[in-house]
Amino acid sequence: MNETLEGPIHPDPHGVHRRRYGRTPAPRRRAPRATWRWLLWLPFVFALGSVALVGALRWWSPPVTAFMATAWVEARLAGARDFELRQRFVPLAAQTPWLAIAAIAAEDQKFPRHRGFDVEAMRAAYREHRDGARLRGASTITQQLAKNLFLWSGRSWARKGLEAWFTVLLETLLDKRRVLELYVNLVEFGPGIYGAEAASQRFFGHGAMTLRAEEAALLAAVLPNPRRYDAAAPSAYLRARQRWILEQMRQLGGARLLQRL
Protein backbone atom coordinates (compact mmCIF):
# COMPACT_ATOMS: atom_id res chain seq x y z
CA MET A 1 0.00 0.00 0.00
CA ASN A 2 1.30 3.43 -0.93
CA GLU A 3 1.96 5.71 1.97
CA THR A 4 2.85 9.37 2.43
CA LEU A 5 4.42 11.20 5.32
CA GLU A 6 0.93 11.64 6.75
CA GLY A 7 -0.04 8.00 6.39
CA PRO A 8 -1.86 5.87 3.89
CA ILE A 9 -3.94 7.39 1.10
CA HIS A 10 -7.55 6.38 1.44
CA PRO A 11 -11.01 7.89 0.96
CA ASP A 12 -11.96 10.44 3.58
CA PRO A 13 -15.59 9.71 4.43
CA HIS A 14 -15.33 11.25 7.91
CA GLY A 15 -13.68 14.52 6.94
CA VAL A 16 -10.25 13.77 8.45
CA HIS A 17 -8.34 15.61 5.76
CA ARG A 18 -10.76 18.53 5.80
CA ARG A 19 -10.25 18.92 9.53
CA ARG A 20 -6.49 18.62 9.06
CA TYR A 21 -5.91 20.88 6.10
CA GLY A 22 -8.92 23.21 6.18
CA ARG A 23 -12.26 23.30 4.41
CA THR A 24 -12.23 23.57 0.60
CA PRO A 25 -13.72 26.95 -0.37
CA ALA A 26 -17.09 26.69 -2.08
CA PRO A 27 -17.18 27.92 -5.66
CA ARG A 28 -18.59 31.42 -6.12
CA ARG A 29 -22.21 31.25 -7.17
CA ARG A 30 -23.24 33.29 -10.16
CA ALA A 31 -26.65 34.76 -10.83
CA PRO A 32 -28.67 32.47 -13.05
CA ARG A 33 -28.76 33.46 -16.67
CA ALA A 34 -32.55 33.41 -16.54
CA THR A 35 -32.49 36.35 -14.09
CA TRP A 36 -30.45 38.48 -16.46
CA ARG A 37 -32.69 37.53 -19.34
CA TRP A 38 -35.74 38.70 -17.39
CA LEU A 39 -34.02 42.00 -16.57
CA LEU A 40 -33.28 42.54 -20.26
CA TRP A 41 -36.89 41.79 -21.12
CA LEU A 42 -38.38 44.18 -18.55
CA PRO A 43 -38.32 47.28 -20.83
CA PHE A 44 -40.09 45.34 -23.56
CA VAL A 45 -42.68 44.01 -21.11
CA PHE A 46 -43.29 47.54 -19.81
CA ALA A 47 -43.58 48.95 -23.33
CA LEU A 48 -46.04 46.29 -24.47
CA GLY A 49 -48.06 46.57 -21.27
CA SER A 50 -48.34 50.33 -21.48
CA VAL A 51 -49.34 50.17 -25.15
CA ALA A 52 -52.10 47.69 -24.30
CA LEU A 53 -53.26 49.81 -21.34
CA VAL A 54 -53.46 53.05 -23.31
CA GLY A 55 -55.02 51.28 -26.28
CA ALA A 56 -57.81 50.00 -24.04
CA LEU A 57 -58.71 53.61 -23.21
CA ARG A 58 -60.28 53.89 -26.64
CA TRP A 59 -63.26 52.00 -25.18
CA TRP A 60 -62.61 51.72 -21.44
CA SER A 61 -63.22 54.63 -19.04
CA PRO A 62 -61.15 54.05 -15.88
CA PRO A 63 -63.01 54.58 -12.59
CA VAL A 64 -59.87 55.73 -10.77
CA THR A 65 -56.53 57.31 -11.66
CA ALA A 66 -53.10 57.35 -10.05
CA PHE A 67 -53.77 60.88 -8.75
CA MET A 68 -57.10 59.82 -7.22
CA ALA A 69 -55.49 56.86 -5.47
CA THR A 70 -52.69 59.08 -4.16
CA ALA A 71 -55.18 61.64 -2.82
CA TRP A 72 -57.14 58.90 -1.05
CA VAL A 73 -54.02 57.43 0.58
CA GLU A 74 -52.79 60.88 1.66
CA ALA A 75 -56.16 61.67 3.23
CA ARG A 76 -56.19 58.39 5.12
CA LEU A 77 -52.65 58.93 6.39
CA ALA A 78 -53.66 62.42 7.53
CA GLY A 79 -56.56 60.97 9.49
CA ALA A 80 -59.34 62.32 7.24
CA ARG A 81 -61.63 59.29 7.54
CA ASP A 82 -64.56 61.14 5.95
CA PHE A 83 -62.65 61.89 2.73
CA GLU A 84 -64.27 60.41 -0.37
CA LEU A 85 -63.63 60.49 -4.09
CA ARG A 86 -66.47 61.89 -6.17
CA GLN A 87 -66.36 61.14 -9.89
CA ARG A 88 -68.82 59.89 -12.50
CA PHE A 89 -67.87 59.48 -16.12
CA VAL A 90 -70.17 61.31 -18.54
CA PRO A 91 -69.42 61.18 -22.30
CA LEU A 92 -68.88 64.47 -24.10
CA ALA A 93 -72.10 63.91 -26.02
CA ALA A 94 -74.01 64.01 -22.71
CA GLN A 95 -72.38 67.30 -21.63
CA THR A 96 -72.73 70.83 -22.85
CA PRO A 97 -69.62 71.73 -24.89
CA TRP A 98 -68.67 74.60 -22.62
CA LEU A 99 -66.40 72.84 -20.14
CA ALA A 100 -64.36 71.14 -22.87
CA ILE A 101 -64.01 74.50 -24.65
CA ALA A 102 -63.13 76.28 -21.41
CA ALA A 103 -60.46 73.68 -20.63
CA ILE A 104 -58.84 74.25 -24.03
CA ALA A 105 -59.06 78.03 -23.64
CA ALA A 106 -57.54 77.96 -20.16
CA GLU A 107 -54.98 75.17 -20.39
CA ASP A 108 -53.98 74.41 -23.97
CA GLN A 109 -55.18 76.59 -26.84
CA LYS A 110 -53.05 74.68 -29.34
CA PHE A 111 -54.65 71.38 -28.37
CA PRO A 112 -56.40 70.81 -31.73
CA ARG A 113 -53.09 71.28 -33.62
CA HIS A 114 -50.22 69.83 -31.61
CA ARG A 115 -49.20 66.19 -31.24
CA GLY A 116 -48.98 66.16 -27.46
CA PHE A 117 -46.28 68.77 -26.81
CA ASP A 118 -46.31 72.55 -27.12
CA VAL A 119 -42.67 73.01 -28.08
CA GLU A 120 -42.89 76.80 -28.28
CA ALA A 121 -44.33 77.05 -24.76
CA MET A 122 -41.64 74.71 -23.45
CA ARG A 123 -38.91 76.84 -25.01
CA ALA A 124 -40.43 80.03 -23.60
CA ALA A 125 -40.65 78.51 -20.11
CA TYR A 126 -37.01 77.42 -20.33
CA ARG A 127 -35.86 80.88 -21.42
CA GLU A 128 -37.76 82.55 -18.58
CA HIS A 129 -36.31 80.12 -16.05
CA ARG A 130 -32.80 80.66 -17.45
CA ASP A 131 -33.26 84.41 -16.98
CA GLY A 132 -34.12 83.94 -13.33
CA ALA A 133 -37.90 83.53 -13.36
CA ARG A 134 -39.66 80.77 -11.46
CA LEU A 135 -40.04 77.63 -13.53
CA ARG A 136 -43.60 77.50 -14.83
CA GLY A 137 -45.45 74.61 -16.34
CA ALA A 138 -45.91 74.24 -20.09
CA SER A 139 -47.87 71.02 -20.05
CA THR A 140 -50.52 70.31 -22.64
CA ILE A 141 -53.88 68.70 -21.90
CA THR A 142 -52.48 65.39 -23.13
CA GLN A 143 -49.47 65.63 -20.81
CA GLN A 144 -51.72 66.45 -17.87
CA LEU A 145 -53.92 63.48 -18.68
CA ALA A 146 -50.89 61.18 -18.84
CA LYS A 147 -49.71 62.41 -15.45
CA ASN A 148 -53.15 62.16 -13.82
CA LEU A 149 -53.82 58.68 -15.16
CA PHE A 150 -50.54 56.91 -14.58
CA LEU A 151 -48.01 58.94 -12.58
CA TRP A 152 -47.34 61.04 -9.51
CA SER A 153 -46.68 64.73 -8.90
CA GLY A 154 -43.13 66.04 -8.89
CA ARG A 155 -40.39 67.32 -11.16
CA SER A 156 -37.98 64.40 -11.39
CA TRP A 157 -36.49 63.42 -14.74
CA ALA A 158 -37.84 59.90 -14.34
CA ARG A 159 -41.40 61.18 -14.00
CA LYS A 160 -41.02 63.59 -16.92
CA GLY A 161 -39.64 60.78 -19.06
CA LEU A 162 -42.59 58.52 -18.26
CA GLU A 163 -44.97 61.42 -18.84
CA ALA A 164 -43.48 61.96 -22.32
CA TRP A 165 -43.81 58.24 -23.10
CA PHE A 166 -47.48 58.08 -22.10
CA THR A 167 -48.18 61.36 -23.89
CA VAL A 168 -46.88 59.90 -27.15
CA LEU A 169 -49.02 56.79 -26.64
CA LEU A 170 -52.16 58.81 -25.90
CA GLU A 171 -51.71 60.96 -29.00
CA THR A 172 -50.90 57.95 -31.16
CA LEU A 173 -53.56 55.49 -30.02
CA LEU A 174 -56.47 57.86 -29.22
CA ASP A 175 -58.07 60.64 -31.20
CA LYS A 176 -58.23 64.21 -29.90
CA ARG A 177 -61.88 64.01 -28.92
CA ARG A 178 -61.28 60.93 -26.75
CA VAL A 179 -58.26 62.55 -25.07
CA LEU A 180 -60.37 65.61 -24.23
CA GLU A 181 -63.26 63.45 -23.03
CA LEU A 182 -60.97 61.56 -20.65
CA TYR A 183 -59.40 64.79 -19.43
CA VAL A 184 -62.63 66.63 -18.51
CA ASN A 185 -63.94 63.50 -16.77
CA LEU A 186 -60.82 62.77 -14.70
CA VAL A 187 -59.17 66.12 -13.92
CA GLU A 188 -59.34 67.42 -10.34
CA PHE A 189 -61.58 70.44 -9.61
CA GLY A 190 -61.25 70.39 -5.84
CA PRO A 191 -60.32 68.06 -2.96
CA GLY A 192 -61.89 64.72 -3.85
CA ILE A 193 -63.85 66.19 -6.78
CA TYR A 194 -62.94 64.80 -10.20
CA GLY A 195 -64.55 65.34 -13.56
CA ALA A 196 -67.22 67.56 -15.07
CA GLU A 197 -70.24 65.83 -13.54
CA ALA A 198 -68.99 65.74 -9.95
CA ALA A 199 -67.80 69.37 -10.16
CA SER A 200 -71.08 70.59 -11.67
CA GLN A 201 -73.10 68.85 -8.98
CA ARG A 202 -70.82 70.01 -6.16
CA PHE A 203 -70.48 73.69 -7.09
CA PHE A 204 -73.67 74.49 -9.03
CA GLY A 205 -76.21 71.87 -7.99
CA HIS A 206 -76.89 70.45 -11.44
CA GLY A 207 -75.28 68.10 -13.93
CA ALA A 208 -72.80 68.73 -16.71
CA MET A 209 -75.59 68.58 -19.30
CA THR A 210 -76.87 71.97 -18.16
CA LEU A 211 -73.53 73.62 -17.38
CA ARG A 212 -73.48 77.23 -18.59
CA ALA A 213 -70.49 78.93 -20.24
CA GLU A 214 -69.86 81.17 -17.21
CA GLU A 215 -69.88 78.17 -14.87
CA ALA A 216 -67.57 76.20 -17.15
CA ALA A 217 -65.13 79.12 -17.27
CA LEU A 218 -65.11 79.29 -13.46
CA LEU A 219 -64.35 75.57 -13.21
CA ALA A 220 -61.55 75.89 -15.75
CA ALA A 221 -60.15 78.84 -13.79
CA VAL A 222 -59.29 76.58 -10.83
CA LEU A 223 -57.41 73.98 -12.90
CA PRO A 224 -53.87 75.32 -12.33
CA ASN A 225 -54.28 74.62 -8.59
CA PRO A 226 -57.63 73.07 -7.60
CA ARG A 227 -56.55 72.61 -3.98
CA ARG A 228 -55.83 76.31 -3.60
CA TYR A 229 -58.63 77.90 -5.63
CA ASP A 230 -62.26 77.26 -4.67
CA ALA A 231 -65.04 77.56 -7.25
CA ALA A 232 -67.57 77.69 -4.40
CA ALA A 233 -66.01 80.90 -3.02
CA PRO A 234 -64.15 82.51 -5.95
CA SER A 235 -61.64 85.21 -5.15
CA ALA A 236 -61.19 88.40 -7.17
CA TYR A 237 -58.30 86.72 -8.99
CA LEU A 238 -60.46 83.72 -9.86
CA ARG A 239 -63.22 85.99 -11.17
CA ALA A 240 -60.72 87.88 -13.33
CA ARG A 241 -59.41 84.62 -14.70
CA GLN A 242 -62.97 83.48 -15.39
CA ARG A 243 -63.60 86.62 -17.48
CA TRP A 244 -60.35 86.07 -19.40
CA ILE A 245 -61.28 82.45 -20.15
CA LEU A 246 -64.73 83.51 -21.41
CA GLU A 247 -63.08 85.96 -23.81
CA GLN A 248 -60.67 83.28 -25.01
CA MET A 249 -63.58 80.88 -25.56
CA ARG A 250 -65.24 83.43 -27.84
CA GLN A 251 -62.04 84.13 -29.76
CA LEU A 252 -61.44 80.40 -30.31
CA GLY A 253 -64.82 80.06 -31.98
CA GLY A 254 -67.06 78.90 -29.16
CA ALA A 255 -68.97 75.68 -29.81
CA ARG A 256 -67.45 75.41 -33.31
CA LEU A 257 -64.08 74.63 -31.71
CA LEU A 258 -65.05 71.03 -30.93
CA GLN A 259 -65.96 70.41 -34.56
CA ARG A 260 -62.26 70.60 -35.41
CA LEU A 261 -61.38 67.63 -33.20
Foldseek 3Di string as FASTA:
>chain_A
DDADPVGDDDDDPPCPVCVVPHHDDDDDDDDDPVVVVVVVCVVVVVLVVLLVVLLCLQPDQDPAAPQLVVLVVVCVVVVVPVAAADADQDFPVLFDCQLLLLLCLQANVCLLPDLFFDVVLVVVQVVCVVVPDDRDDRGHLLLVLLCRHYHDDDDDPVRVVSSVVSSNSNSVNHPSSSSSSSSQRAADQARNAGHQQSVCCVQPNDGRRPDDNLNSLLSSLCRVPNHVADSNDGDPVSNVSSVSSSVSCVVCPHPCNVVSD
